[in-house]
Amino acid sequence: MPNIDEFLQRASDCLALSERSLVLRHKELFLRMAQTWLTLADQEFGSRSRLQDAVAGSESAPIERSGPSEVRGFSR
């Protein structure tokens, strides 16, 4: 059975990929994937405060958006 650190690592990996991506759609996709990993971790382990702490330490610079799409859970 996976532990919470595995979920958080996968979310962190997605955030890192988003930061390195040059294509806006790819950035948004990786951010949505990171959010999904965090949601799954929250559902599985119910550690909202630890998840928020983990995300707070990983937030990147704002992304310029060219369309109406928004990624829940990530602010600009």
PDB file of N, CA and C in Angstrom:
ATOM      1  N   MET A   1       0.847  -1.183   0.000  1.00  0.00           N
ATOM      2  CA  MET A   1       0.000   0.000   0.000  1.00  0.00           C
ATOM      3  C   MET A   1       0.895   1.250   0.000  1.00  0.00           C
ATOM      4  N   PRO A   2       0.606   2.209  -0.885  1.00  0.00           N
ATOM      5  CA  PRO A   2       1.421   3.427  -0.945  1.00  0.00           C
ATOM      6  C   PRO A   2       1.262   4.262   0.324  1.00  0.00           C
ATOM      7  N   ASN A   3       2.316   5.009   0.642  1.00  0.00           N
ATOM      8  CA  ASN A   3       2.213   5.915   1.781  1.00  0.00           C
ATOM      9  C   ASN A   3       2.051   7.348   1.286  1.00  0.00           C
ATOM     10  N   ILE A   4       1.754   8.257   2.179  1.00  0.00           N
ATOM     11  CA  ILE A   4       1.466   9.643   1.787  1.00  0.00           C
ATOM     12  C   ILE A   4       2.653  10.305   1.101  1.00  0.00           C
ATOM     13  N   ASP A   5       3.859   9.923   1.498  1.00  0.00           N
ATOM     14  CA  ASP A   5       5.042  10.528   0.879  1.00  0.00           C
ATOM     15  C   ASP A   5       5.132  10.218  -0.610  1.00  0.00           C
ATOM     16  N   GLU A   6       4.671   9.042  -1.014  1.00  0.00           N
ATOM     17  CA  GLU A   6       4.666   8.706  -2.439  1.00  0.00           C
ATOM     18  C   GLU A   6       3.697   9.608  -3.210  1.00  0.00           C
ATOM     19  N   PHE A   7       2.525   9.852  -2.650  1.00  0.00           N
ATOM     20  CA  PHE A   7       1.548  10.740  -3.291  1.00  0.00           C
ATOM     21  C   PHE A   7       2.114  12.156  -3.394  1.00  0.00           C
ATOM     22  N   LEU A   8       2.716  12.612  -2.296  1.00  0.00           N
ATOM     23  CA  LEU A   8       3.270  13.966  -2.279  1.00  0.00           C
ATOM     24  C   LEU A   8       4.451  14.090  -3.232  1.00  0.00           C
ATOM     25  N   GLN A   9       5.257  13.040  -3.355  1.00  0.00           N
ATOM     26  CA  GLN A   9       6.381  13.067  -4.295  1.00  0.00           C
ATOM     27  C   GLN A   9       5.888  13.166  -5.727  1.00  0.00           C
ATOM     28  N   ARG A  10       4.845  12.410  -6.042  1.00  0.00           N
ATOM     29  CA  ARG A  10       4.292  12.477  -7.403  1.00  0.00           C
ATOM     30  C   ARG A  10       3.717  13.872  -7.695  1.00  0.00           C
ATOM     31  N   ALA A  11       3.056  14.459  -6.723  1.00  0.00           N
ATOM     32  CA  ALA A  11       2.545  15.826  -6.899  1.00  0.00           C
ATOM     33  C   ALA A  11       3.702  16.794  -7.093  1.00  0.00           C
ATOM     34  N   SER A  12       4.747  16.642  -6.303  1.00  0.00           N
ATOM     35  CA  SER A  12       5.924  17.495  -6.425  1.00  0.00           C
ATOM     36  C   SER A  12       6.588  17.333  -7.794  1.00  0.00           C
ATOM     37  N   ASP A  13       6.666  16.103  -8.277  1.00  0.00           N
ATOM     38  CA  ASP A  13       7.231  15.859  -9.608  1.00  0.00           C
ATOM     39  C   ASP A  13       6.416  16.574 -10.684  1.00  0.00           C
ATOM     40  N   CYS A  14       5.098  16.533 -10.563  1.00  0.00           N
ATOM     41  CA  CYS A  14       4.240  17.220 -11.534  1.00  0.00           C
ATOM     42  C   CYS A  14       4.450  18.729 -11.489  1.00  0.00           C
ATOM     43  N   LEU A  15       4.614  19.278 -10.281  1.00  0.00           N
ATOM     44  CA  LEU A  15       4.879  20.712 -10.161  1.00  0.00           C
ATOM     45  C   LEU A  15       6.206  21.075 -10.814  1.00  0.00           C
ATOM     46  N   ALA A  16       7.218  20.248 -10.608  1.00  0.00           N
ATOM     47  CA  ALA A  16       8.520  20.503 -11.218  1.00  0.00           C
ATOM     48  C   ALA A  16       8.433  20.449 -12.741  1.00  0.00           C
ATOM     49  N   LEU A  17       7.698  19.475 -13.270  1.00  0.00           N
ATOM     50  CA  LEU A  17       7.513  19.392 -14.715  1.00  0.00           C
ATOM     51  C   LEU A  17       6.782  20.621 -15.244  1.00  0.00           C
ATOM     52  N   SER A  18       5.813  21.102 -14.489  1.00  0.00           N
ATOM     53  CA  SER A  18       5.083  22.305 -14.891  1.00  0.00           C
ATOM     54  C   SER A  18       6.018  23.507 -14.962  1.00  0.00           C
ATOM     55  N   GLU A  19       6.881  23.637 -13.980  1.00  0.00           N
ATOM     56  CA  GLU A  19       7.817  24.759 -13.958  1.00  0.00           C
ATOM     57  C   GLU A  19       8.774  24.723 -15.138  1.00  0.00           C
ATOM     58  N   ARG A  20       9.159  23.535 -15.585  1.00  0.00           N
ATOM     59  CA  ARG A  20      10.124  23.404 -16.679  1.00  0.00           C
ATOM     60  C   ARG A  20       9.481  23.467 -18.059  1.00  0.00           C
ATOM     61  N   SER A  21       8.180  23.251 -18.122  1.00  0.00           N
ATOM     62  CA  SER A  21       7.493  23.211 -19.407  1.00  0.00           C
ATOM     63  C   SER A  21       7.442  24.595 -20.042  1.00  0.00           C
ATOM     64  N   LEU A  22       7.630  24.618 -21.339  1.00  0.00           N
ATOM     65  CA  LEU A  22       7.575  25.877 -22.093  1.00  0.00           C
ATOM     66  C   LEU A  22       6.212  26.110 -22.737  1.00  0.00           C
ATOM     67  N   VAL A  23       5.378  25.089 -22.763  1.00  0.00           N
ATOM     68  CA  VAL A  23       4.064  25.164 -23.411  1.00  0.00           C
ATOM     69  C   VAL A  23       2.991  25.330 -22.331  1.00  0.00           C
ATOM     70  N   LEU A  24       2.204  26.383 -22.451  1.00  0.00           N
ATOM     71  CA  LEU A  24       1.199  26.702 -21.443  1.00  0.00           C
ATOM     72  C   LEU A  24       0.251  25.533 -21.186  1.00  0.00           C
ATOM     73  N   ARG A  25      -0.218  24.889 -22.227  1.00  0.00           N
ATOM     74  CA  ARG A  25      -1.138  23.760 -22.041  1.00  0.00           C
ATOM     75  C   ARG A  25      -0.483  22.632 -21.237  1.00  0.00           C
ATOM     76  N   HIS A  26       0.816  22.430 -21.451  1.00  0.00           N
ATOM     77  CA  HIS A  26       1.531  21.400 -20.694  1.00  0.00           C
ATOM     78  C   HIS A  26       1.660  21.808 -19.232  1.00  0.00           C
ATOM     79  N   LYS A  27       1.947  23.091 -19.009  1.00  0.00           N
ATOM     80  CA  LYS A  27       2.027  23.591 -17.627  1.00  0.00           C
ATOM     81  C   LYS A  27       0.706  23.331 -16.895  1.00  0.00           C
ATOM     82  N   GLU A  28      -0.391  23.671 -17.548  1.00  0.00           N
ATOM     83  CA  GLU A  28      -1.709  23.486 -16.943  1.00  0.00           C
ATOM     84  C   GLU A  28      -2.006  22.008 -16.708  1.00  0.00           C
ATOM     85  N   LEU A  29      -1.622  21.157 -17.650  1.00  0.00           N
ATOM     86  CA  LEU A  29      -1.838  19.720 -17.488  1.00  0.00           C
ATOM     87  C   LEU A  29      -1.075  19.194 -16.269  1.00  0.00           C
ATOM     88  N   PHE A  30       0.188  19.575 -16.141  1.00  0.00           N
ATOM     89  CA  PHE A  30       0.977  19.118 -15.000  1.00  0.00           C
ATOM     90  C   PHE A  30       0.430  19.667 -13.683  1.00  0.00           C
ATOM     91  N   LEU A  31      -0.079  20.896 -13.694  1.00  0.00           N
ATOM     92  CA  LEU A  31      -0.683  21.447 -12.477  1.00  0.00           C
ATOM     93  C   LEU A  31      -1.948  20.677 -12.089  1.00  0.00           C
ATOM     94  N   ARG A  32      -2.751  20.330 -13.097  1.00  0.00           N
ATOM     95  CA  ARG A  32      -3.952  19.525 -12.810  1.00  0.00           C
ATOM     96  C   ARG A  32      -3.569  18.145 -12.282  1.00  0.00           C
ATOM     97  N   MET A  33      -2.505  17.571 -12.835  1.00  0.00           N
ATOM     98  CA  MET A  33      -2.040  16.269 -12.360  1.00  0.00           C
ATOM     99  C   MET A  33      -1.563  16.375 -10.910  1.00  0.00           C
ATOM    100  N   ALA A  34      -0.844  17.449 -10.587  1.00  0.00           N
ATOM    101  CA  ALA A  34      -0.382  17.651  -9.212  1.00  0.00           C
ATOM    102  C   ALA A  34      -1.578  17.785  -8.276  1.00  0.00           C
ATOM    103  N   GLN A  35      -2.569  18.552  -8.686  1.00  0.00           N
ATOM    104  CA  GLN A  35      -3.769  18.724  -7.869  1.00  0.00           C
ATOM    105  C   GLN A  35      -4.471  17.383  -7.662  1.00  0.00           C
ATOM    106  N   THR A  36      -4.509  16.563  -8.687  1.00  0.00           N
ATOM    107  CA  THR A  36      -5.133  15.250  -8.573  1.00  0.00           C
ATOM    108  C   THR A  36      -4.388  14.386  -7.564  1.00  0.00           C
ATOM    109  N   TRP A  37      -3.058  14.385  -7.603  1.00  0.00           N
ATOM    110  CA  TRP A  37      -2.280  13.616  -6.624  1.00  0.00           C
ATOM    111  C   TRP A  37      -2.547  14.105  -5.208  1.00  0.00           C
ATOM    112  N   LEU A  38      -2.642  15.427  -5.030  1.00  0.00           N
ATOM    113  CA  LEU A  38      -2.914  15.963  -3.695  1.00  0.00           C
ATOM    114  C   LEU A  38      -4.323  15.598  -3.231  1.00  0.00           C
ATOM    115  N   THR A  39      -5.276  15.628  -4.151  1.00  0.00           N
ATOM    116  CA  THR A  39      -6.645  15.241  -3.808  1.00  0.00           C
ATOM    117  C   THR A  39      -6.703  13.773  -3.415  1.00  0.00           C
ATOM    118  N   LEU A  40      -6.015  12.933  -4.184  1.00  0.00           N
ATOM    119  CA  LEU A  40      -5.976  11.509  -3.858  1.00  0.00           C
ATOM    120  C   LEU A  40      -5.325  11.283  -2.497  1.00  0.00           C
ATOM    121  N   ALA A  41      -4.251  11.999  -2.218  1.00  0.00           N
ATOM    122  CA  ALA A  41      -3.585  11.866  -0.919  1.00  0.00           C
ATOM    123  C   ALA A  41      -4.524  12.290   0.204  1.00  0.00           C
ATOM    124  N   ASP A  42      -5.247  13.376  -0.020  1.00  0.00           N
ATOM    125  CA  ASP A  42      -6.182  13.853   0.994  1.00  0.00           C
ATOM    126  C   ASP A  42      -7.301  12.835   1.219  1.00  0.00           C
ATOM    127  N   GLN A  43      -7.812  12.258   0.146  1.00  0.00           N
ATOM    128  CA  GLN A  43      -8.872  11.261   0.271  1.00  0.00           C
ATOM    129  C   GLN A  43      -8.370  10.007   0.975  1.00  0.00           C
ATOM    130  N   GLU A  44      -7.155   9.620   0.662  1.00  0.00           N
ATOM    131  CA  GLU A  44      -6.613   8.383   1.214  1.00  0.00           C
ATOM    132  C   GLU A  44      -6.144   8.537   2.659  1.00  0.00           C
ATOM    133  N   PHE A  45      -5.540   9.693   2.971  1.00  0.00           N
ATOM    134  CA  PHE A  45      -4.898   9.860   4.269  1.00  0.00           C
ATOM    135  C   PHE A  45      -5.533  10.929   5.146  1.00  0.00           C
ATOM    136  N   GLY A  46      -6.331  11.828   4.547  1.00  0.00           N
ATOM    137  CA  GLY A  46      -7.022  12.856   5.318  1.00  0.00           C
ATOM    138  C   GLY A  46      -6.096  13.807   6.046  1.00  0.00           C
ATOM    139  N   SER A  47      -4.967  14.107   5.458  1.00  0.00           N
ATOM    140  CA  SER A  47      -3.977  14.990   6.094  1.00  0.00           C
ATOM    141  C   SER A  47      -3.972  16.355   5.429  1.00  0.00           C
ATOM    142  N   ARG A  48      -5.053  17.046   5.498  1.00  0.00           N
ATOM    143  CA  ARG A  48      -5.169  18.334   4.813  1.00  0.00           C
ATOM    144  C   ARG A  48      -4.054  19.298   5.221  1.00  0.00           C
ATOM    145  N   SER A  49      -3.756  19.429   6.504  1.00  0.00           N
ATOM    146  CA  SER A  49      -2.752  20.400   6.929  1.00  0.00           C
ATOM    147  C   SER A  49      -1.369  20.033   6.407  1.00  0.00           C
ATOM    148  N   ARG A  50      -1.014  18.748   6.409  1.00  0.00           N
ATOM    149  CA  ARG A  50       0.295  18.345   5.903  1.00  0.00           C
ATOM    150  C   ARG A  50       0.372  18.566   4.397  1.00  0.00           C
ATOM    151  N   LEU A  51      -0.726  18.301   3.686  1.00  0.00           N
ATOM    152  CA  LEU A  51      -0.754  18.532   2.254  1.00  0.00           C
ATOM    153  C   LEU A  51      -0.577  20.014   1.945  1.00  0.00           C
ATOM    154  N   GLN A  52      -1.259  20.856   2.692  1.00  0.00           N
ATOM    155  CA  GLN A  52      -1.141  22.294   2.458  1.00  0.00           C
ATOM    156  C   GLN A  52       0.274  22.773   2.737  1.00  0.00           C
ATOM    157  N   ASP A  53       0.908  22.258   3.782  1.00  0.00           N
ATOM    158  CA  ASP A  53       2.289  22.613   4.079  1.00  0.00           C
ATOM    159  C   ASP A  53       3.214  22.187   2.947  1.00  0.00           C
ATOM    160  N   ALA A  54       2.972  20.988   2.412  1.00  0.00           N
ATOM    161  CA  ALA A  54       3.810  20.479   1.330  1.00  0.00           C
ATOM    162  C   ALA A  54       3.670  21.333   0.076  1.00  0.00           C
ATOM    163  N   VAL A  55       2.434  21.728  -0.230  1.00  0.00           N
ATOM    164  CA  VAL A  55       2.202  22.555  -1.417  1.00  0.00           C
ATOM    165  C   VAL A  55       2.762  23.956  -1.212  1.00  0.00           C
ATOM    166  N   ALA A  56       2.616  24.524  -0.041  1.00  0.00           N
ATOM    167  CA  ALA A  56       3.088  25.882   0.228  1.00  0.00           C
ATOM    168  C   ALA A  56       4.582  25.993  -0.015  1.00  0.00           C
ATOM    169  N   GLY A  57       5.325  24.951   0.256  1.00  0.00           N
ATOM    170  CA  GLY A  57       6.755  24.973   0.039  1.00  0.00           C
ATOM    171  C   GLY A  57       7.150  24.736  -1.398  1.00  0.00           C
ATOM    172  N   SER A  58       6.188  24.391  -2.266  1.00  0.00           N
ATOM    173  CA  SER A  58       6.501  24.034  -3.650  1.00  0.00           C
ATOM    174  C   SER A  58       5.901  24.985  -4.674  1.00  0.00           C
ATOM    175  N   GLU A  59       5.176  25.988  -4.239  1.00  0.00           N
ATOM    176  CA  GLU A  59       4.491  26.846  -5.209  1.00  0.00           C
ATOM    177  C   GLU A  59       5.499  27.605  -6.058  1.00  0.00           C
ATOM    178  N   SER A  60       5.178  27.707  -7.320  1.00  0.00           N
ATOM    179  CA  SER A  60       6.063  28.374  -8.267  1.00  0.00           C
ATOM    180  C   SER A  60       5.516  29.743  -8.630  1.00  0.00           C
ATOM    181  N   ALA A  61       6.256  30.404  -9.493  1.00  0.00           N
ATOM    182  CA  ALA A  61       5.848  31.727  -9.961  1.00  0.00           C
ATOM    183  C   ALA A  61       4.534  31.616 -10.729  1.00  0.00           C
ATOM    184  N   PRO A  62       3.774  32.706 -10.805  1.00  0.00           N
ATOM    185  CA  PRO A  62       2.492  32.684 -11.524  1.00  0.00           C
ATOM    186  C   PRO A  62       2.671  32.317 -12.991  1.00  0.00           C
ATOM    187  N   ILE A  63       1.666  31.711 -13.549  1.00  0.00           N
ATOM    188  CA  ILE A  63       1.653  31.339 -14.961  1.00  0.00           C
ATOM    189  C   ILE A  63       0.692  32.259 -15.682  1.00  0.00           C
ATOM    190  N   GLU A  64       1.144  32.810 -16.784  1.00  0.00           N
ATOM    191  CA  GLU A  64       0.259  33.633 -17.593  1.00  0.00           C
ATOM    192  C   GLU A  64      -0.710  32.724 -18.327  1.00  0.00           C
ATOM    193  N   ARG A  65      -1.969  33.039 -18.273  1.00  0.00           N
ATOM    194  CA  ARG A  65      -2.985  32.221 -18.916  1.00  0.00           C
ATOM    195  C   ARG A  65      -3.502  32.952 -20.154  1.00  0.00           C
ATOM    196  N   SER A  66      -3.695  32.177 -21.218  1.00  0.00           N
ATOM    197  CA  SER A  66      -4.156  32.791 -22.450  1.00  0.00           C
ATOM    198  C   SER A  66      -5.617  32.503 -22.739  1.00  0.00           C
ATOM    199  N   GLY A  67      -6.256  31.712 -21.898  1.00  0.00           N
ATOM    200  CA  GLY A  67      -7.638  31.347 -22.158  1.00  0.00           C
ATOM    201  C   GLY A  67      -8.435  31.286 -20.886  1.00  0.00           C
ATOM    202  N   PRO A  68      -9.653  30.800 -20.979  1.00  0.00           N
ATOM    203  CA  PRO A  68     -10.543  30.778 -19.822  1.00  0.00           C
ATOM    204  C   PRO A  68     -10.268  29.634 -18.842  1.00  0.00           C
ATOM    205  N   SER A  69      -9.352  28.722 -19.192  1.00  0.00           N
ATOM    206  CA  SER A  69      -9.155  27.574 -18.307  1.00  0.00           C
ATOM    207  C   SER A  69      -8.480  27.998 -17.012  1.00  0.00           C
ATOM    208  N   GLU A  70      -8.900  27.385 -15.949  1.00  0.00           N
ATOM    209  CA  GLU A  70      -8.338  27.641 -14.621  1.00  0.00           C
ATOM    210  C   GLU A  70      -8.006  26.305 -13.991  1.00  0.00           C
ATOM    211  N   VAL A  71      -6.997  26.297 -13.165  1.00  0.00           N
ATOM    212  CA  VAL A  71      -6.620  25.094 -12.448  1.00  0.00           C
ATOM    213  C   VAL A  71      -7.023  25.295 -10.997  1.00  0.00           C
ATOM    214  N   ARG A  72      -7.931  24.452 -10.520  1.00  0.00           N
ATOM    215  CA  ARG A  72      -8.411  24.593  -9.150  1.00  0.00           C
ATOM    216  C   ARG A  72      -7.286  24.350  -8.164  1.00  0.00           C
ATOM    217  N   GLY A  73      -7.290  25.150  -7.104  1.00  0.00           N
ATOM    218  CA  GLY A  73      -6.331  24.929  -6.031  1.00  0.00           C
ATOM    219  C   GLY A  73      -5.013  25.639  -6.208  1.00  0.00           C
ATOM    220  N   PHE A  74      -4.804  26.244  -7.344  1.00  0.00           N
ATOM    221  CA  PHE A  74      -3.574  26.981  -7.595  1.00  0.00           C
ATOM    222  C   PHE A  74      -3.928  28.407  -7.980  1.00  0.00           C
ATOM    223  N   SER A  75      -3.371  29.352  -7.263  1.00  0.00           N
ATOM    224  CA  SER A  75      -3.678  30.737  -7.564  1.00  0.00           C
ATOM    225  C   SER A  75      -2.574  31.346  -8.402  1.00  0.00           C
ATOM    226  N   ARG A  76      -2.917  32.421  -9.096  1.00  0.00           N
ATOM    227  CA  ARG A  76      -1.924  33.108  -9.913  1.00  0.00           C
ATOM    228  C   ARG A  76      -1.295  34.222  -9.141  1.00  0.00           C
TER     229      ARG A  76
END
